Amino acid sequence: MQAARFLAIGTMIYGMGYPFMTTVDSLYGVAFQYADKVFNGSTYTGDFESMSDPVSPLAMEYIQTVAGGAQSLPFVLYVPTGYGQVLGKAMPNVEETQDPARMLTVEFGGGAEVW
């Protein structure tokens, strides 16, 4: 049950590719798409038609670009402790928390908008 719970929560946060990758059909993917479209001129995501594939590698491209030193988009997804990494690497724009009020929320633009 513990393994099933871990995978279920991880899949909700990062998508069907978890624990190996993140996909756009996830909490992280939706937050990433929104931040890119609102704050970044859709640089990573392009138009909505390009997002029709739920396993689009766009989020992975962003993660690799940020890991290479590029500036991250202005959002933070708060996840339960133990879910801040994918494949043993820290995820950009993700903070682990034990605060139930913040868990699974997203802040955009330094807290100007909260989901």
PDB file of N, CA and C in Angstrom:
ATOM      1  N   MET A   1       0.817  -1.187   0.000  1.00  0.00           N
ATOM      2  CA  MET A   1       0.000   0.000   0.000  1.00  0.00           C
ATOM      3  C   MET A   1       0.868   1.261   0.000  1.00  0.00           C
ATOM      4  N   GLN A   2       1.984   1.192   0.708  1.00  0.00           N
ATOM      5  CA  GLN A   2       2.848   2.366   0.778  1.00  0.00           C
ATOM      6  C   GLN A   2       3.408   2.714  -0.602  1.00  0.00           C
ATOM      7  N   ALA A   3       3.826   1.725  -1.360  1.00  0.00           N
ATOM      8  CA  ALA A   3       4.361   1.967  -2.706  1.00  0.00           C
ATOM      9  C   ALA A   3       3.265   2.492  -3.630  1.00  0.00           C
ATOM     10  N   ALA A   4       2.063   1.927  -3.527  1.00  0.00           N
ATOM     11  CA  ALA A   4       0.948   2.376  -4.364  1.00  0.00           C
ATOM     12  C   ALA A   4       0.586   3.820  -4.043  1.00  0.00           C
ATOM     13  N   ARG A   5       0.583   4.172  -2.778  1.00  0.00           N
ATOM     14  CA  ARG A   5       0.291   5.555  -2.365  1.00  0.00           C
ATOM     15  C   ARG A   5       1.351   6.506  -2.897  1.00  0.00           C
ATOM     16  N   PHE A   6       2.618   6.127  -2.760  1.00  0.00           N
ATOM     17  CA  PHE A   6       3.710   6.964  -3.243  1.00  0.00           C
ATOM     18  C   PHE A   6       3.575   7.223  -4.747  1.00  0.00           C
ATOM     19  N   LEU A   7       3.314   6.169  -5.516  1.00  0.00           N
ATOM     20  CA  LEU A   7       3.164   6.323  -6.969  1.00  0.00           C
ATOM     21  C   LEU A   7       1.915   7.111  -7.341  1.00  0.00           C
ATOM     22  N   ALA A   8       0.831   6.920  -6.624  1.00  0.00           N
ATOM     23  CA  ALA A   8      -0.399   7.657  -6.924  1.00  0.00           C
ATOM     24  C   ALA A   8      -0.211   9.155  -6.693  1.00  0.00           C
ATOM     25  N   ILE A   9       0.391   9.521  -5.582  1.00  0.00           N
ATOM     26  CA  ILE A   9       0.626  10.944  -5.300  1.00  0.00           C
ATOM     27  C   ILE A   9       1.635  11.514  -6.292  1.00  0.00           C
ATOM     28  N   GLY A  10       2.702  10.797  -6.554  1.00  0.00           N
ATOM     29  CA  GLY A  10       3.708  11.256  -7.511  1.00  0.00           C
ATOM     30  C   GLY A  10       3.137  11.432  -8.903  1.00  0.00           C
ATOM     31  N   THR A  11       2.254  10.533  -9.318  1.00  0.00           N
ATOM     32  CA  THR A  11       1.623  10.624 -10.632  1.00  0.00           C
ATOM     33  C   THR A  11       0.700  11.835 -10.703  1.00  0.00           C
ATOM     34  N   MET A  12      -0.005  12.128  -9.634  1.00  0.00           N
ATOM     35  CA  MET A  12      -0.859  13.321  -9.603  1.00  0.00           C
ATOM     36  C   MET A  12      -0.003  14.587  -9.745  1.00  0.00           C
ATOM     37  N   ILE A  13       1.135  14.616  -9.090  1.00  0.00           N
ATOM     38  CA  ILE A  13       1.988  15.799  -9.114  1.00  0.00           C
ATOM     39  C   ILE A  13       2.722  15.934 -10.448  1.00  0.00           C
ATOM     40  N   TYR A  14       3.296  14.839 -10.963  1.00  0.00           N
ATOM     41  CA  TYR A  14       4.181  14.907 -12.127  1.00  0.00           C
ATOM     42  C   TYR A  14       3.657  14.241 -13.390  1.00  0.00           C
ATOM     43  N   GLY A  15       2.572  13.500 -13.326  1.00  0.00           N
ATOM     44  CA  GLY A  15       2.003  12.887 -14.521  1.00  0.00           C
ATOM     45  C   GLY A  15       2.317  11.410 -14.647  1.00  0.00           C
ATOM     46  N   MET A  16       1.786  10.828 -15.728  1.00  0.00           N
ATOM     47  CA  MET A  16       1.874   9.385 -15.941  1.00  0.00           C
ATOM     48  C   MET A  16       3.303   8.874 -16.127  1.00  0.00           C
ATOM     49  N   GLY A  17       4.249   9.734 -16.377  1.00  0.00           N
ATOM     50  CA  GLY A  17       5.630   9.300 -16.545  1.00  0.00           C
ATOM     51  C   GLY A  17       6.389   9.134 -15.244  1.00  0.00           C
ATOM     52  N   TYR A  18       5.775   9.536 -14.132  1.00  0.00           N
ATOM     53  CA  TYR A  18       6.442   9.469 -12.836  1.00  0.00           C
ATOM     54  C   TYR A  18       6.703   8.016 -12.458  1.00  0.00           C
ATOM     55  N   PRO A  19       7.854   7.690 -11.935  1.00  0.00           N
ATOM     56  CA  PRO A  19       8.938   8.514 -11.404  1.00  0.00           C
ATOM     57  C   PRO A  19      10.082   8.786 -12.384  1.00  0.00           C
ATOM     58  N   PHE A  20       9.854   8.537 -13.663  1.00  0.00           N
ATOM     59  CA  PHE A  20      10.930   8.679 -14.641  1.00  0.00           C
ATOM     60  C   PHE A  20      10.946  10.024 -15.349  1.00  0.00           C
ATOM     61  N   MET A  21       9.780  10.666 -15.428  1.00  0.00           N
ATOM     62  CA  MET A  21       9.691  11.965 -16.108  1.00  0.00           C
ATOM     63  C   MET A  21       8.426  12.656 -15.653  1.00  0.00           C
ATOM     64  N   THR A  22       8.289  13.910 -16.057  1.00  0.00           N
ATOM     65  CA  THR A  22       7.060  14.639 -15.801  1.00  0.00           C
ATOM     66  C   THR A  22       6.373  14.923 -17.127  1.00  0.00           C
ATOM     67  N   THR A  23       5.050  14.955 -17.106  1.00  0.00           N
ATOM     68  CA  THR A  23       4.278  15.195 -18.314  1.00  0.00           C
ATOM     69  C   THR A  23       3.359  16.394 -18.087  1.00  0.00           C
ATOM     70  N   VAL A  24       2.814  16.921 -19.169  1.00  0.00           N
ATOM     71  CA  VAL A  24       1.988  18.123 -19.062  1.00  0.00           C
ATOM     72  C   VAL A  24       0.611  17.842 -18.473  1.00  0.00           C
ATOM     73  N   ASP A  25       0.239  16.576 -18.352  1.00  0.00           N
ATOM     74  CA  ASP A  25      -1.055  16.224 -17.762  1.00  0.00           C
ATOM     75  C   ASP A  25      -0.913  15.973 -16.259  1.00  0.00           C
ATOM     76  N   SER A  26      -0.365  16.955 -15.558  1.00  0.00           N
ATOM     77  CA  SER A  26      -0.088  16.831 -14.136  1.00  0.00           C
ATOM     78  C   SER A  26      -0.201  18.202 -13.482  1.00  0.00           C
ATOM     79  N   LEU A  27      -0.163  18.232 -12.152  1.00  0.00           N
ATOM     80  CA  LEU A  27      -0.156  19.523 -11.460  1.00  0.00           C
ATOM     81  C   LEU A  27       1.046  20.351 -11.894  1.00  0.00           C
ATOM     82  N   TYR A  28       2.207  19.720 -11.916  1.00  0.00           N
ATOM     83  CA  TYR A  28       3.411  20.441 -12.334  1.00  0.00           C
ATOM     84  C   TYR A  28       3.269  20.917 -13.782  1.00  0.00           C
ATOM     85  N   GLY A  29       2.783  20.063 -14.648  1.00  0.00           N
ATOM     86  CA  GLY A  29       2.644  20.402 -16.061  1.00  0.00           C
ATOM     87  C   GLY A  29       1.686  21.552 -16.299  1.00  0.00           C
ATOM     88  N   VAL A  30       0.565  21.564 -15.587  1.00  0.00           N
ATOM     89  CA  VAL A  30      -0.408  22.645 -15.747  1.00  0.00           C
ATOM     90  C   VAL A  30       0.174  23.961 -15.231  1.00  0.00           C
ATOM     91  N   ALA A  31       0.833  23.916 -14.074  1.00  0.00           N
ATOM     92  CA  ALA A  31       1.458  25.127 -13.536  1.00  0.00           C
ATOM     93  C   ALA A  31       2.549  25.642 -14.480  1.00  0.00           C
ATOM     94  N   PHE A  32       3.343  24.733 -15.014  1.00  0.00           N
ATOM     95  CA  PHE A  32       4.393  25.095 -15.975  1.00  0.00           C
ATOM     96  C   PHE A  32       3.796  25.757 -17.213  1.00  0.00           C
ATOM     97  N   GLN A  33       2.745  25.156 -17.777  1.00  0.00           N
ATOM     98  CA  GLN A  33       2.104  25.712 -18.975  1.00  0.00           C
ATOM     99  C   GLN A  33       1.557  27.111 -18.703  1.00  0.00           C
ATOM    100  N   TYR A  34       0.870  27.271 -17.577  1.00  0.00           N
ATOM    101  CA  TYR A  34       0.288  28.565 -17.235  1.00  0.00           C
ATOM    102  C   TYR A  34       1.380  29.618 -17.071  1.00  0.00           C
ATOM    103  N   ALA A  35       2.421  29.295 -16.311  1.00  0.00           N
ATOM    104  CA  ALA A  35       3.509  30.249 -16.087  1.00  0.00           C
ATOM    105  C   ALA A  35       4.192  30.616 -17.400  1.00  0.00           C
ATOM    106  N   ASP A  36       4.380  29.651 -18.272  1.00  0.00           N
ATOM    107  CA  ASP A  36       5.017  29.936 -19.559  1.00  0.00           C
ATOM    108  C   ASP A  36       4.143  30.851 -20.413  1.00  0.00           C
ATOM    109  N   LYS A  37       2.862  30.592 -20.442  1.00  0.00           N
ATOM    110  CA  LYS A  37       1.963  31.397 -21.282  1.00  0.00           C
ATOM    111  C   LYS A  37       1.763  32.801 -20.716  1.00  0.00           C
ATOM    112  N   VAL A  38       1.627  32.941 -19.401  1.00  0.00           N
ATOM    113  CA  VAL A  38       1.331  34.230 -18.793  1.00  0.00           C
ATOM    114  C   VAL A  38       2.584  35.092 -18.610  1.00  0.00           C
ATOM    115  N   PHE A  39       3.693  34.479 -18.219  1.00  0.00           N
ATOM    116  CA  PHE A  39       4.883  35.240 -17.856  1.00  0.00           C
ATOM    117  C   PHE A  39       6.034  35.139 -18.853  1.00  0.00           C
ATOM    118  N   ASN A  40       5.917  34.276 -19.851  1.00  0.00           N
ATOM    119  CA  ASN A  40       7.078  33.998 -20.698  1.00  0.00           C
ATOM    120  C   ASN A  40       6.741  33.972 -22.187  1.00  0.00           C
ATOM    121  N   GLY A  41       5.585  34.468 -22.578  1.00  0.00           N
ATOM    122  CA  GLY A  41       5.239  34.530 -23.993  1.00  0.00           C
ATOM    123  C   GLY A  41       5.158  33.185 -24.682  1.00  0.00           C
ATOM    124  N   SER A  42       4.850  32.134 -23.942  1.00  0.00           N
ATOM    125  CA  SER A  42       4.700  30.772 -24.499  1.00  0.00           C
ATOM    126  C   SER A  42       5.977  30.254 -25.162  1.00  0.00           C
ATOM    127  N   THR A  43       7.119  30.668 -24.650  1.00  0.00           N
ATOM    128  CA  THR A  43       8.398  30.252 -25.229  1.00  0.00           C
ATOM    129  C   THR A  43       8.547  28.739 -25.287  1.00  0.00           C
ATOM    130  N   TYR A  44       8.173  28.067 -24.223  1.00  0.00           N
ATOM    131  CA  TYR A  44       8.321  26.605 -24.174  1.00  0.00           C
ATOM    132  C   TYR A  44       7.110  25.880 -24.747  1.00  0.00           C
ATOM    133  N   THR A  45       5.920  26.425 -24.554  1.00  0.00           N
ATOM    134  CA  THR A  45       4.709  25.685 -24.872  1.00  0.00           C
ATOM    135  C   THR A  45       4.075  26.026 -26.208  1.00  0.00           C
ATOM    136  N   GLY A  46       4.386  27.159 -26.777  1.00  0.00           N
ATOM    137  CA  GLY A  46       3.790  27.535 -28.058  1.00  0.00           C
ATOM    138  C   GLY A  46       2.291  27.698 -27.938  1.00  0.00           C
ATOM    139  N   ASP A  47       1.556  27.395 -28.986  1.00  0.00           N
ATOM    140  CA  ASP A  47       0.106  27.553 -28.957  1.00  0.00           C
ATOM    141  C   ASP A  47      -0.544  26.334 -28.310  1.00  0.00           C
ATOM    142  N   PHE A  48      -1.835  26.432 -28.044  1.00  0.00           N
ATOM    143  CA  PHE A  48      -2.540  25.349 -27.360  1.00  0.00           C
ATOM    144  C   PHE A  48      -2.573  24.064 -28.169  1.00  0.00           C
ATOM    145  N   GLU A  49      -2.555  24.143 -29.497  1.00  0.00           N
ATOM    146  CA  GLU A  49      -2.581  22.931 -30.314  1.00  0.00           C
ATOM    147  C   GLU A  49      -1.353  22.057 -30.055  1.00  0.00           C
ATOM    148  N   SER A  50      -0.227  22.684 -29.729  1.00  0.00           N
ATOM    149  CA  SER A  50       0.988  21.903 -29.485  1.00  0.00           C
ATOM    150  C   SER A  50       0.919  21.150 -28.159  1.00  0.00           C
ATOM    151  N   MET A  51      -0.076  21.464 -27.327  1.00  0.00           N
ATOM    152  CA  MET A  51      -0.180  20.822 -26.029  1.00  0.00           C
ATOM    153  C   MET A  51      -1.154  19.645 -26.036  1.00  0.00           C
ATOM    154  N   SER A  52      -1.611  19.222 -27.202  1.00  0.00           N
ATOM    155  CA  SER A  52      -2.611  18.159 -27.266  1.00  0.00           C
ATOM    156  C   SER A  52      -2.065  16.801 -26.820  1.00  0.00           C
ATOM    157  N   ASP A  53      -0.774  16.609 -26.870  1.00  0.00           N
ATOM    158  CA  ASP A  53      -0.171  15.346 -26.448  1.00  0.00           C
ATOM    159  C   ASP A  53       0.124  15.410 -24.953  1.00  0.00           C
ATOM    160  N   PRO A  54      -0.556  14.611 -24.112  1.00  0.00           N
ATOM    161  CA  PRO A  54      -0.358  14.700 -22.672  1.00  0.00           C
ATOM    162  C   PRO A  54       1.033  14.290 -22.212  1.00  0.00           C
ATOM    163  N   VAL A  55       1.782  13.582 -23.031  1.00  0.00           N
ATOM    164  CA  VAL A  55       3.142  13.226 -22.645  1.00  0.00           C
ATOM    165  C   VAL A  55       4.162  14.072 -23.411  1.00  0.00           C
ATOM    166  N   SER A  56       3.745  15.257 -23.786  1.00  0.00           N
ATOM    167  CA  SER A  56       4.632  16.182 -24.486  1.00  0.00           C
ATOM    168  C   SER A  56       5.923  16.367 -23.691  1.00  0.00           C
ATOM    169  N   PRO A  57       7.051  16.374 -24.363  1.00  0.00           N
ATOM    170  CA  PRO A  57       8.329  16.556 -23.663  1.00  0.00           C
ATOM    171  C   PRO A  57       8.622  18.010 -23.310  1.00  0.00           C
ATOM    172  N   LEU A  58       7.672  18.919 -23.532  1.00  0.00           N
ATOM    173  CA  LEU A  58       7.949  20.339 -23.300  1.00  0.00           C
ATOM    174  C   LEU A  58       8.387  20.615 -21.870  1.00  0.00           C
ATOM    175  N   ALA A  59       7.718  20.021 -20.885  1.00  0.00           N
ATOM    176  CA  ALA A  59       8.116  20.240 -19.496  1.00  0.00           C
ATOM    177  C   ALA A  59       9.525  19.706 -19.257  1.00  0.00           C
ATOM    178  N   MET A  60       9.863  18.576 -19.858  1.00  0.00           N
ATOM    179  CA  MET A  60      11.206  18.021 -19.690  1.00  0.00           C
ATOM    180  C   MET A  60      12.260  18.924 -20.327  1.00  0.00           C
ATOM    181  N   GLU A  61      11.939  19.522 -21.473  1.00  0.00           N
ATOM    182  CA  GLU A  61      12.867  20.471 -22.094  1.00  0.00           C
ATOM    183  C   GLU A  61      13.130  21.640 -21.159  1.00  0.00           C
ATOM    184  N   TYR A  62      12.074  22.160 -20.550  1.00  0.00           N
ATOM    185  CA  TYR A  62      12.205  23.270 -19.605  1.00  0.00           C
ATOM    186  C   TYR A  62      13.092  22.862 -18.426  1.00  0.00           C
ATOM    187  N   ILE A  63      12.839  21.698 -17.854  1.00  0.00           N
ATOM    188  CA  ILE A  63      13.602  21.225 -16.700  1.00  0.00           C
ATOM    189  C   ILE A  63      15.083  21.120 -17.048  1.00  0.00           C
ATOM    190  N   GLN A  64      15.393  20.579 -18.217  1.00  0.00           N
ATOM    191  CA  GLN A  64      16.788  20.461 -18.640  1.00  0.00           C
ATOM    192  C   GLN A  64      17.423  21.830 -18.885  1.00  0.00           C
ATOM    193  N   THR A  65      16.664  22.755 -19.442  1.00  0.00           N
ATOM    194  CA  THR A  65      17.171  24.097 -19.710  1.00  0.00           C
ATOM    195  C   THR A  65      17.504  24.812 -18.400  1.00  0.00           C
ATOM    196  N   VAL A  66      16.609  24.706 -17.413  1.00  0.00           N
ATOM    197  CA  VAL A  66      16.852  25.333 -16.116  1.00  0.00           C
ATOM    198  C   VAL A  66      18.027  24.663 -15.419  1.00  0.00           C
ATOM    199  N   ALA A  67      18.137  23.349 -15.521  1.00  0.00           N
ATOM    200  CA  ALA A  67      19.277  22.640 -14.925  1.00  0.00           C
ATOM    201  C   ALA A  67      20.592  23.106 -15.543  1.00  0.00           C
ATOM    202  N   GLY A  68      20.526  23.546 -16.808  1.00  0.00           N
ATOM    203  CA  GLY A  68      21.709  24.047 -17.493  1.00  0.00           C
ATOM    204  C   GLY A  68      22.031  25.502 -17.178  1.00  0.00           C
ATOM    205  N   GLY A  69      21.226  26.127 -16.322  1.00  0.00           N
ATOM    206  CA  GLY A  69      21.530  27.489 -15.891  1.00  0.00           C
ATOM    207  C   GLY A  69      20.562  28.562 -16.347  1.00  0.00           C
ATOM    208  N   ALA A  70      19.560  28.203 -17.134  1.00  0.00           N
ATOM    209  CA  ALA A  70      18.581  29.197 -17.587  1.00  0.00           C
ATOM    210  C   ALA A  70      17.709  29.638 -16.408  1.00  0.00           C
ATOM    211  N   GLN A  71      17.157  30.829 -16.516  1.00  0.00           N
ATOM    212  CA  GLN A  71      16.284  31.350 -15.473  1.00  0.00           C
ATOM    213  C   GLN A  71      14.980  30.555 -15.447  1.00  0.00           C
ATOM    214  N   SER A  72      14.500  30.276 -14.240  1.00  0.00           N
ATOM    215  CA  SER A  72      13.254  29.516 -14.112  1.00  0.00           C
ATOM    216  C   SER A  72      12.044  30.438 -14.224  1.00  0.00           C
ATOM    217  N   LEU A  73      10.917  29.860 -14.554  1.00  0.00           N
ATOM    218  CA  LEU A  73       9.667  30.605 -14.634  1.00  0.00           C
ATOM    219  C   LEU A  73       9.209  30.993 -13.227  1.00  0.00           C
ATOM    220  N   PRO A  74       8.394  32.051 -13.103  1.00  0.00           N
ATOM    221  CA  PRO A  74       8.002  32.535 -11.778  1.00  0.00           C
ATOM    222  C   PRO A  74       6.812  31.783 -11.166  1.00  0.00           C
ATOM    223  N   PHE A  75       7.041  30.528 -10.797  1.00  0.00           N
ATOM    224  CA  PHE A  75       6.023  29.777 -10.066  1.00  0.00           C
ATOM    225  C   PHE A  75       6.693  28.814  -9.105  1.00  0.00           C
ATOM    226  N   VAL A  76       5.964  28.488  -8.037  1.00  0.00           N
ATOM    227  CA  VAL A  76       6.427  27.500  -7.065  1.00  0.00           C
ATOM    228  C   VAL A  76       5.273  26.569  -6.765  1.00  0.00           C
ATOM    229  N   LEU A  77       5.504  25.277  -6.954  1.00  0.00           N
ATOM    230  CA  LEU A  77       4.541  24.236  -6.599  1.00  0.00           C
ATOM    231  C   LEU A  77       5.020  23.625  -5.288  1.00  0.00           C
ATOM    232  N   TYR A  78       4.151  23.653  -4.282  1.00  0.00           N
ATOM    233  CA  TYR A  78       4.484  23.089  -2.972  1.00  0.00           C
ATOM    234  C   TYR A  78       3.989  21.650  -2.908  1.00  0.00           C
ATOM    235  N   VAL A  79       4.906  20.749  -2.632  1.00  0.00           N
ATOM    236  CA  VAL A  79       4.595  19.316  -2.621  1.00  0.00           C
ATOM    237  C   VAL A  79       4.927  18.725  -1.258  1.00  0.00           C
ATOM    238  N   PRO A  80       4.322  17.586  -0.926  1.00  0.00           N
ATOM    239  CA  PRO A  80       4.663  16.926   0.339  1.00  0.00           C
ATOM    240  C   PRO A  80       6.139  16.522   0.358  1.00  0.00           C
ATOM    241  N   THR A  81       6.685  16.466   1.547  1.00  0.00           N
ATOM    242  CA  THR A  81       8.067  16.027   1.712  1.00  0.00           C
ATOM    243  C   THR A  81       8.251  14.669   1.041  1.00  0.00           C
ATOM    244  N   GLY A  82       9.334  14.550   0.271  1.00  0.00           N
ATOM    245  CA  GLY A  82       9.636  13.310  -0.431  1.00  0.00           C
ATOM    246  C   GLY A  82       9.268  13.330  -1.901  1.00  0.00           C
ATOM    247  N   TYR A  83       8.616  14.416  -2.353  1.00  0.00           N
ATOM    248  CA  TYR A  83       8.179  14.500  -3.743  1.00  0.00           C
ATOM    249  C   TYR A  83       8.828  15.658  -4.508  1.00  0.00           C
ATOM    250  N   GLY A  84       9.953  16.129  -4.058  1.00  0.00           N
ATOM    251  CA  GLY A  84      10.616  17.257  -4.715  1.00  0.00           C
ATOM    252  C   GLY A  84      11.575  16.855  -5.817  1.00  0.00           C
ATOM    253  N   GLN A  85      11.702  15.563  -6.081  1.00  0.00           N
ATOM    254  CA  GLN A  85      12.653  15.086  -7.077  1.00  0.00           C
ATOM    255  C   GLN A  85      11.994  14.124  -8.063  1.00  0.00           C
ATOM    256  N   VAL A  86      12.549  14.109  -9.250  1.00  0.00           N
ATOM    257  CA  VAL A  86      12.198  13.108 -10.261  1.00  0.00           C
ATOM    258  C   VAL A  86      13.523  12.523 -10.727  1.00  0.00           C
ATOM    259  N   LEU A  87      13.623  11.218 -10.697  1.00  0.00           N
ATOM    260  CA  LEU A  87      14.865  10.499 -11.027  1.00  0.00           C
ATOM    261  C   LEU A  87      16.043  10.988 -10.190  1.00  0.00           C
ATOM    262  N   GLY A  88      15.771  11.303  -8.928  1.00  0.00           N
ATOM    263  CA  GLY A  88      16.827  11.714  -8.016  1.00  0.00           C
ATOM    264  C   GLY A  88      17.345  13.125  -8.225  1.00  0.00           C
ATOM    265  N   LYS A  89      16.691  13.901  -9.068  1.00  0.00           N
ATOM    266  CA  LYS A  89      17.125  15.285  -9.329  1.00  0.00           C
ATOM    267  C   LYS A  89      16.040  16.240  -8.864  1.00  0.00           C
ATOM    268  N   ALA A  90      16.478  17.296  -8.179  1.00  0.00           N
ATOM    269  CA  ALA A  90      15.533  18.308  -7.702  1.00  0.00           C
ATOM    270  C   ALA A  90      14.803  18.938  -8.882  1.00  0.00           C
ATOM    271  N   MET A  91      13.513  19.116  -8.717  1.00  0.00           N
ATOM    272  CA  MET A  91      12.690  19.722  -9.759  1.00  0.00           C
ATOM    273  C   MET A  91      12.696  21.236  -9.609  1.00  0.00           C
ATOM    274  N   PRO A  92      12.870  21.963 -10.736  1.00  0.00           N
ATOM    275  CA  PRO A  92      12.787  23.420 -10.640  1.00  0.00           C
ATOM    276  C   PRO A  92      11.356  23.829 -10.301  1.00  0.00           C
ATOM    277  N   ASN A  93      11.225  24.896  -9.548  1.00  0.00           N
ATOM    278  CA  ASN A  93       9.932  25.467  -9.188  1.00  0.00           C
ATOM    279  C   ASN A  93       9.134  24.592  -8.229  1.00  0.00           C
ATOM    280  N   VAL A  94       9.794  23.687  -7.554  1.00  0.00           N
ATOM    281  CA  VAL A  94       9.125  22.806  -6.599  1.00  0.00           C
ATOM    282  C   VAL A  94       9.779  22.979  -5.234  1.00  0.00           C
ATOM    283  N   GLU A  95       8.933  23.119  -4.217  1.00  0.00           N
ATOM    284  CA  GLU A  95       9.410  23.174  -2.836  1.00  0.00           C
ATOM    285  C   GLU A  95       8.658  22.148  -2.026  1.00  0.00           C
ATOM    286  N   GLU A  96       9.397  21.371  -1.252  1.00  0.00           N
ATOM    287  CA  GLU A  96       8.764  20.418  -0.354  1.00  0.00           C
ATOM    288  C   GLU A  96       8.292  21.154   0.897  1.00  0.00           C
ATOM    289  N   THR A  97       7.154  20.734   1.431  1.00  0.00           N
ATOM    290  CA  THR A  97       6.616  21.345   2.638  1.00  0.00           C
ATOM    291  C   THR A  97       5.890  20.317   3.479  1.00  0.00           C
ATOM    292  N   GLN A  98       5.848  20.562   4.763  1.00  0.00           N
ATOM    293  CA  GLN A  98       5.038  19.763   5.670  1.00  0.00           C
ATOM    294  C   GLN A  98       3.811  20.539   6.116  1.00  0.00           C
ATOM    295  N   ASP A  99       3.666  21.768   5.629  1.00  0.00           N
ATOM    296  CA  ASP A  99       2.541  22.633   5.973  1.00  0.00           C
ATOM    297  C   ASP A  99       1.317  22.216   5.156  1.00  0.00           C
ATOM    298  N   PRO A 100       0.297  21.648   5.787  1.00  0.00           N
ATOM    299  CA  PRO A 100      -0.872  21.192   5.036  1.00  0.00           C
ATOM    300  C   PRO A 100      -1.604  22.317   4.305  1.00  0.00           C
ATOM    301  N   ALA A 101      -1.491  23.543   4.764  1.00  0.00           N
ATOM    302  CA  ALA A 101      -2.148  24.669   4.099  1.00  0.00           C
ATOM    303  C   ALA A 101      -1.472  25.025   2.773  1.00  0.00           C
ATOM    304  N   ARG A 102      -0.195  24.720   2.648  1.00  0.00           N
ATOM    305  CA  ARG A 102       0.542  25.025   1.410  1.00  0.00           C
ATOM    306  C   ARG A 102       0.632  23.832   0.468  1.00  0.00           C
ATOM    307  N   MET A 103       0.517  22.640   0.990  1.00  0.00           N
ATOM    308  CA  MET A 103       0.703  21.430   0.209  1.00  0.00           C
ATOM    309  C   MET A 103      -0.217  21.408  -1.015  1.00  0.00           C
ATOM    310  N   LEU A 104       0.379  21.124  -2.184  1.00  0.00           N
ATOM    311  CA  LEU A 104      -0.328  21.027  -3.463  1.00  0.00           C
ATOM    312  C   LEU A 104      -0.969  22.356  -3.876  1.00  0.00           C
ATOM    313  N   THR A 105      -0.356  23.458  -3.465  1.00  0.00           N
ATOM    314  CA  THR A 105      -0.745  24.774  -3.965  1.00  0.00           C
ATOM    315  C   THR A 105       0.371  25.278  -4.861  1.00  0.00           C
ATOM    316  N   VAL A 106       0.039  26.275  -5.681  1.00  0.00           N
ATOM    317  CA  VAL A 106       1.021  26.878  -6.579  1.00  0.00           C
ATOM    318  C   VAL A 106       0.955  28.385  -6.409  1.00  0.00           C
ATOM    319  N   GLU A 107       2.119  29.018  -6.313  1.00  0.00           N
ATOM    320  CA  GLU A 107       2.206  30.478  -6.285  1.00  0.00           C
ATOM    321  C   GLU A 107       2.845  30.940  -7.585  1.00  0.00           C
ATOM    322  N   PHE A 108       2.260  31.944  -8.182  1.00  0.00           N
ATOM    323  CA  PHE A 108       2.786  32.527  -9.418  1.00  0.00           C
ATOM    324  C   PHE A 108       3.195  33.965  -9.148  1.00  0.00           C
ATOM    325  N   GLY A 109       4.244  34.409  -9.833  1.00  0.00           N
ATOM    326  CA  GLY A 109       4.672  35.795  -9.743  1.00  0.00           C
ATOM    327  C   GLY A 109       4.982  36.235  -8.334  1.00  0.00           C
ATOM    328  N   GLY A 110       5.687  35.393  -7.585  1.00  0.00           N
ATOM    329  CA  GLY A 110       6.076  35.756  -6.224  1.00  0.00           C
ATOM    330  C   GLY A 110       4.919  35.796  -5.248  1.00  0.00           C
ATOM    331  N   GLY A 111       3.850  35.093  -5.525  1.00  0.00           N
ATOM    332  CA  GLY A 111       2.709  35.034  -4.630  1.00  0.00           C
ATOM    333  C   GLY A 111       1.561  35.945  -5.016  1.00  0.00           C
ATOM    334  N   ALA A 112       1.710  36.628  -6.176  1.00  0.00           N
ATOM    335  CA  ALA A 112       0.636  37.514  -6.630  1.00  0.00           C
ATOM    336  C   ALA A 112      -0.632  36.736  -6.982  1.00  0.00           C
ATOM    337  N   GLU A 113      -0.462  35.472  -7.373  1.00  0.00           N
ATOM    338  CA  GLU A 113      -1.602  34.610  -7.688  1.00  0.00           C
ATOM    339  C   GLU A 113      -1.338  33.248  -7.055  1.00  0.00           C
ATOM    340  N   VAL A 114      -2.341  32.710  -6.394  1.00  0.00           N
ATOM    341  CA  VAL A 114      -2.193  31.420  -5.717  1.00  0.00           C
ATOM    342  C   VAL A 114      -3.338  30.515  -6.128  1.00  0.00           C
ATOM    343  N   TRP A 115      -2.990  29.271  -6.460  1.00  0.00           N
ATOM    344  CA  TRP A 115      -3.990  28.249  -6.780  1.00  0.00           C
ATOM    345  C   TRP A 115      -4.022  27.239  -5.655  1.00  0.00           C
TER     346      TRP A 115
END
